[in-house]
Amino acid sequence: IDQSKRLVNKRVNILIHGETGTGKEVLARALHDSSTRADEAFVAVNCACIPESLIESELFGHTAGSFTGARRKGSTGLIQQSDGGTLFLDEIGDMPLQLQTRFLRVLSEQEVLPVGATKPVPVSLTVIAASHRDLRQLMASGEFREDLYYRLCGAGLRIPPLRAGLDKTDIFDCILRLESESLSLPTSSITNAALKLMMQHPWPGNIRQLRNVMRFALAVSDDGRID
């Protein structure tokens, strides 16, 4: 958190590491919302969810009729939409190698060339990337470009898994309050017996799993007391 406060308004690309469900996008949004860019766009891209055949046109945009199925008037890509704001690339380790090469040029030149265009468009980018995979291992196996890694990792932030947290009780209380509010329930509580079980659980799905467990427990509880 201290590092995040120091980095929030610096022109440094940030790479967030953390297991699935630890809240990498939550941290990225907090960095954006706490910065001088807060009034500009926060554009989130999950590199693992966009089909490989579409990710290039989605990221870079395209001109009218540049390929079969292209929009009649063309399309502004997600990179250009984040101009002046924050571009969040989730699961960057799943970005195809060919696209990594093109994105490296975007970072180095601060300009984007839409599919089918002949003239690049200048952009002012602040990039936050995240991955639950070990990018150094991907580099060793040739699946991730080393030069792109060092472009992205101006600063590295690592979110610990829930099981390793020293403040689990505070996190449980916080999530319980948030989920109670989302279900429009009065203030709820957790018995010591239930808390002991929760402290011992490994939480492989981290905060995402915890939120679902809390929501279920509150939904089936008669009096808002989790036992």
C-alpha atoms as a PDB file:
ATOM      1  CA  ILE A   1       0.000   0.000   0.000  1.00  0.00           C
ATOM      2  CA  ASP A   2       2.869   2.363   0.824  1.00  0.00           C
ATOM      3  CA  GLN A   3       4.498   1.656  -2.551  1.00  0.00           C
ATOM      4  CA  SER A   4       1.154   2.184  -4.308  1.00  0.00           C
ATOM      5  CA  LYS A   5       0.775   5.616  -2.707  1.00  0.00           C
ATOM      6  CA  ARG A   6       4.245   6.589  -3.903  1.00  0.00           C
ATOM      7  CA  LEU A   7       3.654   5.325  -7.446  1.00  0.00           C
ATOM      8  CA  VAL A   8       0.117   6.471  -8.071  1.00  0.00           C
ATOM      9  CA  ASN A   9       0.975   9.723  -9.885  1.00  0.00           C
ATOM     10  CA  LYS A  10       4.322   8.707 -11.328  1.00  0.00           C
ATOM     11  CA  ARG A  11       4.627   7.869 -15.018  1.00  0.00           C
ATOM     12  CA  VAL A  12       5.687   4.310 -14.226  1.00  0.00           C
ATOM     13  CA  ASN A  13       4.083   1.199 -15.684  1.00  0.00           C
ATOM     14  CA  ILE A  14       3.025  -1.179 -12.910  1.00  0.00           C
ATOM     15  CA  LEU A  15       2.889  -4.970 -12.956  1.00  0.00           C
ATOM     16  CA  ILE A  16       0.662  -6.601 -10.333  1.00  0.00           C
ATOM     17  CA  HIS A  17       1.232 -10.230  -9.381  1.00  0.00           C
ATOM     18  CA  GLY A  18      -1.220 -12.296  -7.371  1.00  0.00           C
ATOM     19  CA  GLU A  19      -3.199 -15.519  -7.348  1.00  0.00           C
ATOM     20  CA  THR A  20      -6.661 -15.609  -8.875  1.00  0.00           C
ATOM     21  CA  GLY A  21      -9.234 -13.852  -6.713  1.00  0.00           C
ATOM     22  CA  THR A  22      -6.780 -11.721  -4.720  1.00  0.00           C
ATOM     23  CA  GLY A  23      -8.129  -8.443  -6.111  1.00  0.00           C
ATOM     24  CA  LYS A  24      -5.669  -7.376  -8.789  1.00  0.00           C
ATOM     25  CA  GLU A  25      -8.261  -5.341 -10.681  1.00  0.00           C
ATOM     26  CA  VAL A  26      -9.500  -3.823  -7.414  1.00  0.00           C
ATOM     27  CA  LEU A  27      -5.954  -2.567  -6.743  1.00  0.00           C
ATOM     28  CA  ALA A  28      -5.615  -1.299 -10.320  1.00  0.00           C
ATOM     29  CA  ARG A  29      -8.884   0.655 -10.021  1.00  0.00           C
ATOM     30  CA  ALA A  30      -7.797   2.041  -6.641  1.00  0.00           C
ATOM     31  CA  LEU A  31      -4.544   3.255  -8.192  1.00  0.00           C
ATOM     32  CA  HIS A  32      -6.494   4.970 -10.972  1.00  0.00           C
ATOM     33  CA  ASP A  33      -9.162   6.468  -8.710  1.00  0.00           C
ATOM     34  CA  SER A  34      -6.499   7.860  -6.343  1.00  0.00           C
ATOM     35  CA  SER A  35      -4.502   9.479  -9.130  1.00  0.00           C
ATOM     36  CA  THR A  36      -4.715  12.756 -11.023  1.00  0.00           C
ATOM     37  CA  ARG A  37      -6.130  10.654 -13.906  1.00  0.00           C
ATOM     38  CA  ALA A  38      -9.260   9.753 -11.929  1.00  0.00           C
ATOM     39  CA  ASP A  39     -11.536  11.809 -14.195  1.00  0.00           C
ATOM     40  CA  GLU A  40     -10.166  10.090 -17.306  1.00  0.00           C
ATOM     41  CA  ALA A  41     -11.057   6.614 -18.588  1.00  0.00           C
ATOM     42  CA  PHE A  42     -10.136   3.386 -16.815  1.00  0.00           C
ATOM     43  CA  VAL A  43     -10.158   0.737 -19.549  1.00  0.00           C
ATOM     44  CA  ALA A  44      -9.897  -2.892 -18.397  1.00  0.00           C
ATOM     45  CA  VAL A  45      -8.937  -5.629 -20.846  1.00  0.00           C
ATOM     46  CA  ASN A  46      -8.854  -9.311 -19.914  1.00  0.00           C
ATOM     47  CA  CYS A  47      -6.328 -10.771 -22.340  1.00  0.00           C
ATOM     48  CA  ALA A  48      -7.539 -14.290 -21.560  1.00  0.00           C
ATOM     49  CA  CYS A  49     -11.189 -13.601 -22.456  1.00  0.00           C
ATOM     50  CA  ILE A  50     -10.955 -11.936 -25.862  1.00  0.00           C
ATOM     51  CA  PRO A  51     -10.708 -14.483 -28.725  1.00  0.00           C
ATOM     52  CA  GLU A  52      -7.250 -14.404 -30.342  1.00  0.00           C
ATOM     53  CA  SER A  53      -8.857 -13.602 -33.715  1.00  0.00           C
ATOM     54  CA  LEU A  54     -10.416 -10.420 -32.269  1.00  0.00           C
ATOM     55  CA  ILE A  55      -7.919  -9.209 -29.674  1.00  0.00           C
ATOM     56  CA  GLU A  56      -5.814  -7.246 -32.180  1.00  0.00           C
ATOM     57  CA  SER A  57      -8.747  -5.250 -33.563  1.00  0.00           C
ATOM     58  CA  GLU A  58     -10.232  -4.829 -30.065  1.00  0.00           C
ATOM     59  CA  LEU A  59      -6.981  -3.418 -28.670  1.00  0.00           C
ATOM     60  CA  PHE A  60      -5.751  -1.408 -31.642  1.00  0.00           C
ATOM     61  CA  GLY A  61      -9.044  -0.589 -33.341  1.00  0.00           C
ATOM     62  CA  HIS A  62      -9.603  -0.804 -37.088  1.00  0.00           C
ATOM     63  CA  THR A  63     -10.502   1.292 -40.093  1.00  0.00           C
ATOM     64  CA  ALA A  64     -13.667   0.826 -42.148  1.00  0.00           C
ATOM     65  CA  GLY A  65     -13.599  -2.377 -44.203  1.00  0.00           C
ATOM     66  CA  SER A  66     -10.107  -3.337 -43.070  1.00  0.00           C
ATOM     67  CA  PHE A  67     -11.122  -7.004 -42.709  1.00  0.00           C
ATOM     68  CA  THR A  68     -14.136  -9.276 -43.129  1.00  0.00           C
ATOM     69  CA  GLY A  69     -16.621  -8.463 -40.392  1.00  0.00           C
ATOM     70  CA  ALA A  70     -15.123  -5.041 -39.630  1.00  0.00           C
ATOM     71  CA  ARG A  71     -17.585  -2.334 -38.615  1.00  0.00           C
ATOM     72  CA  ARG A  72     -18.710  -0.103 -41.455  1.00  0.00           C
ATOM     73  CA  LYS A  73     -17.360   3.084 -39.839  1.00  0.00           C
ATOM     74  CA  GLY A  74     -14.354   1.453 -38.215  1.00  0.00           C
ATOM     75  CA  SER A  75     -13.764   1.250 -34.469  1.00  0.00           C
ATOM     76  CA  THR A  76     -11.636   3.005 -31.864  1.00  0.00           C
ATOM     77  CA  GLY A  77      -9.521   0.416 -30.050  1.00  0.00           C
ATOM     78  CA  LEU A  78      -9.317   0.013 -26.280  1.00  0.00           C
ATOM     79  CA  ILE A  79      -5.765   1.388 -26.208  1.00  0.00           C
ATOM     80  CA  GLN A  80      -6.877   4.634 -27.820  1.00  0.00           C
ATOM     81  CA  GLN A  81      -9.930   4.803 -25.520  1.00  0.00           C
ATOM     82  CA  SER A  82      -7.576   4.819 -22.515  1.00  0.00           C
ATOM     83  CA  ASP A  83      -5.634   7.841 -23.828  1.00  0.00           C
ATOM     84  CA  GLY A  84      -4.912  10.131 -20.865  1.00  0.00           C
ATOM     85  CA  GLY A  85      -6.323   7.598 -18.384  1.00  0.00           C
ATOM     86  CA  THR A  86      -5.324   4.091 -17.354  1.00  0.00           C
ATOM     87  CA  LEU A  87      -5.127   0.938 -19.465  1.00  0.00           C
ATOM     88  CA  PHE A  88      -5.447  -2.174 -17.292  1.00  0.00           C
ATOM     89  CA  LEU A  89      -4.285  -5.392 -18.953  1.00  0.00           C
ATOM     90  CA  ASP A  90      -5.458  -8.339 -16.889  1.00  0.00           C
ATOM     91  CA  GLU A  91      -3.866 -11.770 -17.445  1.00  0.00           C
ATOM     92  CA  ILE A  92      -1.156 -10.226 -19.614  1.00  0.00           C
ATOM     93  CA  GLY A  93       0.583 -13.622 -19.681  1.00  0.00           C
ATOM     94  CA  ASP A  94      -2.148 -14.868 -22.032  1.00  0.00           C
ATOM     95  CA  MET A  95      -1.494 -12.207 -24.684  1.00  0.00           C
ATOM     96  CA  PRO A  96      -0.447 -13.934 -27.970  1.00  0.00           C
ATOM     97  CA  LEU A  97       3.242 -13.537 -28.886  1.00  0.00           C
ATOM     98  CA  GLN A  98       2.514 -11.757 -32.163  1.00  0.00           C
ATOM     99  CA  LEU A  99       0.417  -9.193 -30.338  1.00  0.00           C
ATOM    100  CA  GLN A 100       3.095  -8.744 -27.672  1.00  0.00           C
ATOM    101  CA  THR A 101       5.410  -7.443 -30.404  1.00  0.00           C
ATOM    102  CA  ARG A 102       2.859  -4.860 -31.547  1.00  0.00           C
ATOM    103  CA  PHE A 103       2.064  -3.789 -28.006  1.00  0.00           C
ATOM    104  CA  LEU A 104       5.762  -3.348 -27.235  1.00  0.00           C
ATOM    105  CA  ARG A 105       5.895  -0.746 -29.997  1.00  0.00           C
ATOM    106  CA  VAL A 106       2.874   1.039 -28.523  1.00  0.00           C
ATOM    107  CA  LEU A 107       4.699   1.355 -25.203  1.00  0.00           C
ATOM    108  CA  SER A 108       7.998   2.463 -26.704  1.00  0.00           C
ATOM    109  CA  GLU A 109       6.576   4.928 -29.259  1.00  0.00           C
ATOM    110  CA  GLN A 110       3.426   6.020 -27.360  1.00  0.00           C
ATOM    111  CA  GLU A 111       1.377   5.618 -30.529  1.00  0.00           C
ATOM    112  CA  VAL A 112      -1.090   3.082 -31.874  1.00  0.00           C
ATOM    113  CA  LEU A 113      -1.667   1.931 -35.455  1.00  0.00           C
ATOM    114  CA  PRO A 114      -5.242   0.693 -36.008  1.00  0.00           C
ATOM    115  CA  VAL A 115      -5.715  -2.378 -38.213  1.00  0.00           C
ATOM    116  CA  GLY A 116      -5.874  -1.204 -41.824  1.00  0.00           C
ATOM    117  CA  ALA A 117      -4.541   2.298 -41.053  1.00  0.00           C
ATOM    118  CA  THR A 118      -1.392   3.829 -42.529  1.00  0.00           C
ATOM    119  CA  LYS A 119      -0.888   6.629 -40.011  1.00  0.00           C
ATOM    120  CA  PRO A 120      -0.325   5.996 -36.270  1.00  0.00           C
ATOM    121  CA  VAL A 121      -2.325   7.827 -33.604  1.00  0.00           C
ATOM    122  CA  PRO A 122      -0.398   9.324 -30.626  1.00  0.00           C
ATOM    123  CA  VAL A 123      -1.569   8.220 -27.178  1.00  0.00           C
ATOM    124  CA  SER A 124      -0.619   9.098 -23.607  1.00  0.00           C
ATOM    125  CA  LEU A 125      -0.620   5.776 -21.776  1.00  0.00           C
ATOM    126  CA  THR A 126      -0.357   4.735 -18.166  1.00  0.00           C
ATOM    127  CA  VAL A 127      -0.395   0.940 -18.155  1.00  0.00           C
ATOM    128  CA  ILE A 128      -1.145  -1.373 -15.255  1.00  0.00           C
ATOM    129  CA  ALA A 129      -0.796  -5.061 -16.095  1.00  0.00           C
ATOM    130  CA  ALA A 130      -1.603  -8.081 -13.958  1.00  0.00           C
ATOM    131  CA  SER A 131      -1.051 -11.820 -14.049  1.00  0.00           C
ATOM    132  CA  HIS A 132      -1.543 -14.833 -11.807  1.00  0.00           C
ATOM    133  CA  ARG A 133       1.088 -16.670 -13.867  1.00  0.00           C
ATOM    134  CA  ASP A 134       4.838 -16.408 -13.324  1.00  0.00           C
ATOM    135  CA  LEU A 135       5.953 -14.227 -16.238  1.00  0.00           C
ATOM    136  CA  ARG A 136       9.613 -15.122 -15.659  1.00  0.00           C
ATOM    137  CA  GLN A 137       8.776 -18.784 -16.264  1.00  0.00           C
ATOM    138  CA  LEU A 138       6.848 -17.791 -19.395  1.00  0.00           C
ATOM    139  CA  MET A 139       9.898 -15.848 -20.588  1.00  0.00           C
ATOM    140  CA  ALA A 140      12.132 -18.870 -19.990  1.00  0.00           C
ATOM    141  CA  SER A 141       9.806 -21.055 -22.078  1.00  0.00           C
ATOM    142  CA  GLY A 142       9.609 -18.473 -24.869  1.00  0.00           C
ATOM    143  CA  GLU A 143       5.919 -17.682 -24.290  1.00  0.00           C
ATOM    144  CA  PHE A 144       6.453 -14.092 -23.158  1.00  0.00           C
ATOM    145  CA  ARG A 145       8.778 -11.449 -24.563  1.00  0.00           C
ATOM    146  CA  GLU A 146      11.544 -10.396 -22.215  1.00  0.00           C
ATOM    147  CA  ASP A 147      11.669  -6.847 -23.601  1.00  0.00           C
ATOM    148  CA  LEU A 148       7.912  -6.436 -23.069  1.00  0.00           C
ATOM    149  CA  TYR A 149       8.249  -7.684 -19.486  1.00  0.00           C
ATOM    150  CA  TYR A 150      10.798  -5.000 -18.666  1.00  0.00           C
ATOM    151  CA  ARG A 151       8.663  -2.353 -20.364  1.00  0.00           C
ATOM    152  CA  LEU A 152       5.652  -3.324 -18.260  1.00  0.00           C
ATOM    153  CA  CYS A 153       7.467  -3.889 -14.995  1.00  0.00           C
ATOM    154  CA  GLY A 154       8.558  -0.355 -14.182  1.00  0.00           C
ATOM    155  CA  ALA A 155       7.373  -1.287 -10.706  1.00  0.00           C
ATOM    156  CA  GLY A 156       6.121  -4.596  -9.355  1.00  0.00           C
ATOM    157  CA  LEU A 157       3.391  -5.018  -6.738  1.00  0.00           C
ATOM    158  CA  ARG A 158       2.569  -8.424  -5.282  1.00  0.00           C
ATOM    159  CA  ILE A 159      -0.754  -9.113  -3.555  1.00  0.00           C
ATOM    160  CA  PRO A 160      -0.392 -11.926  -1.001  1.00  0.00           C
ATOM    161  CA  PRO A 161      -2.937 -14.763  -1.000  1.00  0.00           C
ATOM    162  CA  LEU A 162      -5.640 -14.618   1.654  1.00  0.00           C
ATOM    163  CA  ARG A 163      -4.198 -17.611   3.526  1.00  0.00           C
ATOM    164  CA  ALA A 164      -0.930 -15.709   4.084  1.00  0.00           C
ATOM    165  CA  GLY A 165      -2.521 -12.504   5.326  1.00  0.00           C
ATOM    166  CA  LEU A 166      -1.793 -11.338   8.856  1.00  0.00           C
ATOM    167  CA  ASP A 167      -5.024  -9.342   8.902  1.00  0.00           C
ATOM    168  CA  LYS A 168      -7.513 -12.073   7.996  1.00  0.00           C
ATOM    169  CA  THR A 169      -9.887 -11.188  10.849  1.00  0.00           C
ATOM    170  CA  ASP A 170     -10.115  -7.596   9.607  1.00  0.00           C
ATOM    171  CA  ILE A 171     -10.704  -8.844   6.046  1.00  0.00           C
ATOM    172  CA  PHE A 172     -13.468 -11.212   7.234  1.00  0.00           C
ATOM    173  CA  ASP A 173     -15.168  -8.338   9.084  1.00  0.00           C
ATOM    174  CA  CYS A 174     -14.861  -6.044   6.070  1.00  0.00           C
ATOM    175  CA  ILE A 175     -16.290  -8.577   3.593  1.00  0.00           C
ATOM    176  CA  LEU A 176     -19.070  -9.486   6.042  1.00  0.00           C
ATOM    177  CA  ARG A 177     -20.071  -5.825   6.255  1.00  0.00           C
ATOM    178  CA  LEU A 178     -19.979  -5.352   2.472  1.00  0.00           C
ATOM    179  CA  GLU A 179     -22.022  -8.477   1.785  1.00  0.00           C
ATOM    180  CA  SER A 180     -24.545  -7.612   4.505  1.00  0.00           C
ATOM    181  CA  GLU A 181     -25.029  -4.226   2.850  1.00  0.00           C
ATOM    182  CA  SER A 182     -25.397  -5.775  -0.599  1.00  0.00           C
ATOM    183  CA  LEU A 183     -28.165  -8.062   0.723  1.00  0.00           C
ATOM    184  CA  SER A 184     -29.778  -5.182   2.684  1.00  0.00           C
ATOM    185  CA  LEU A 185     -29.296  -7.082   5.948  1.00  0.00           C
ATOM    186  CA  PRO A 186     -28.637  -5.561   9.395  1.00  0.00           C
ATOM    187  CA  THR A 187     -25.168  -5.840  10.942  1.00  0.00           C
ATOM    188  CA  SER A 188     -24.172  -9.504  11.110  1.00  0.00           C
ATOM    189  CA  SER A 189     -21.678 -11.439  13.207  1.00  0.00           C
ATOM    190  CA  ILE A 190     -19.497 -14.554  13.064  1.00  0.00           C
ATOM    191  CA  THR A 191     -19.243 -16.924  16.020  1.00  0.00           C
ATOM    192  CA  ASN A 192     -15.823 -17.868  17.357  1.00  0.00           C
ATOM    193  CA  ALA A 193     -16.319 -21.454  16.153  1.00  0.00           C
ATOM    194  CA  ALA A 194     -17.037 -20.307  12.587  1.00  0.00           C
ATOM    195  CA  LEU A 195     -14.165 -17.810  12.701  1.00  0.00           C
ATOM    196  CA  LYS A 196     -11.757 -20.571  13.750  1.00  0.00           C
ATOM    197  CA  LEU A 197     -12.781 -22.691  10.743  1.00  0.00           C
ATOM    198  CA  MET A 198     -12.392 -19.717   8.444  1.00  0.00           C
ATOM    199  CA  MET A 199      -8.922 -18.927   9.797  1.00  0.00           C
ATOM    200  CA  GLN A 200      -7.813 -22.511   9.105  1.00  0.00           C
ATOM    201  CA  HIS A 201      -9.237 -22.724   5.585  1.00  0.00           C
ATOM    202  CA  PRO A 202      -6.650 -22.316   2.750  1.00  0.00           C
ATOM    203  CA  TRP A 203      -8.991 -20.180   0.574  1.00  0.00           C
ATOM    204  CA  PRO A 204      -7.675 -21.248  -2.848  1.00  0.00           C
ATOM    205  CA  GLY A 205     -10.062 -18.751  -4.489  1.00  0.00           C
ATOM    206  CA  ASN A 206      -8.926 -15.967  -2.150  1.00  0.00           C
ATOM    207  CA  ILE A 207     -11.165 -12.875  -1.736  1.00  0.00           C
ATOM    208  CA  ARG A 208     -13.461 -13.896  -4.589  1.00  0.00           C
ATOM    209  CA  GLN A 209     -14.168 -17.223  -2.863  1.00  0.00           C
ATOM    210  CA  LEU A 210     -14.553 -15.523   0.522  1.00  0.00           C
ATOM    211  CA  ARG A 211     -17.197 -13.142  -0.837  1.00  0.00           C
ATOM    212  CA  ASN A 212     -19.227 -16.025  -2.258  1.00  0.00           C
ATOM    213  CA  VAL A 213     -18.973 -17.992   1.007  1.00  0.00           C
ATOM    214  CA  MET A 214     -20.038 -14.969   3.057  1.00  0.00           C
ATOM    215  CA  ARG A 215     -22.945 -14.223   0.728  1.00  0.00           C
ATOM    216  CA  PHE A 216     -24.192 -17.801   0.916  1.00  0.00           C
ATOM    217  CA  ALA A 217     -23.830 -17.929   4.712  1.00  0.00           C
ATOM    218  CA  LEU A 218     -25.774 -14.694   5.121  1.00  0.00           C
ATOM    219  CA  ALA A 219     -28.454 -15.821   2.667  1.00  0.00           C
ATOM    220  CA  VAL A 220     -29.216 -19.007   4.605  1.00  0.00           C
ATOM    221  CA  SER A 221     -28.813 -17.467   8.062  1.00  0.00           C
ATOM    222  CA  ASP A 222     -32.005 -16.769  10.027  1.00  0.00           C
ATOM    223  CA  ASP A 223     -30.675 -13.971  12.206  1.00  0.00           C
ATOM    224  CA  GLY A 224     -27.540 -12.720  10.410  1.00  0.00           C
ATOM    225  CA  ARG A 225     -25.356 -14.741  12.767  1.00  0.00           C
ATOM    226  CA  ILE A 226     -22.897 -17.045  10.999  1.00  0.00           C
ATOM    227  CA  ASP A 227     -22.184 -20.197  12.992  1.00  0.00           C
END
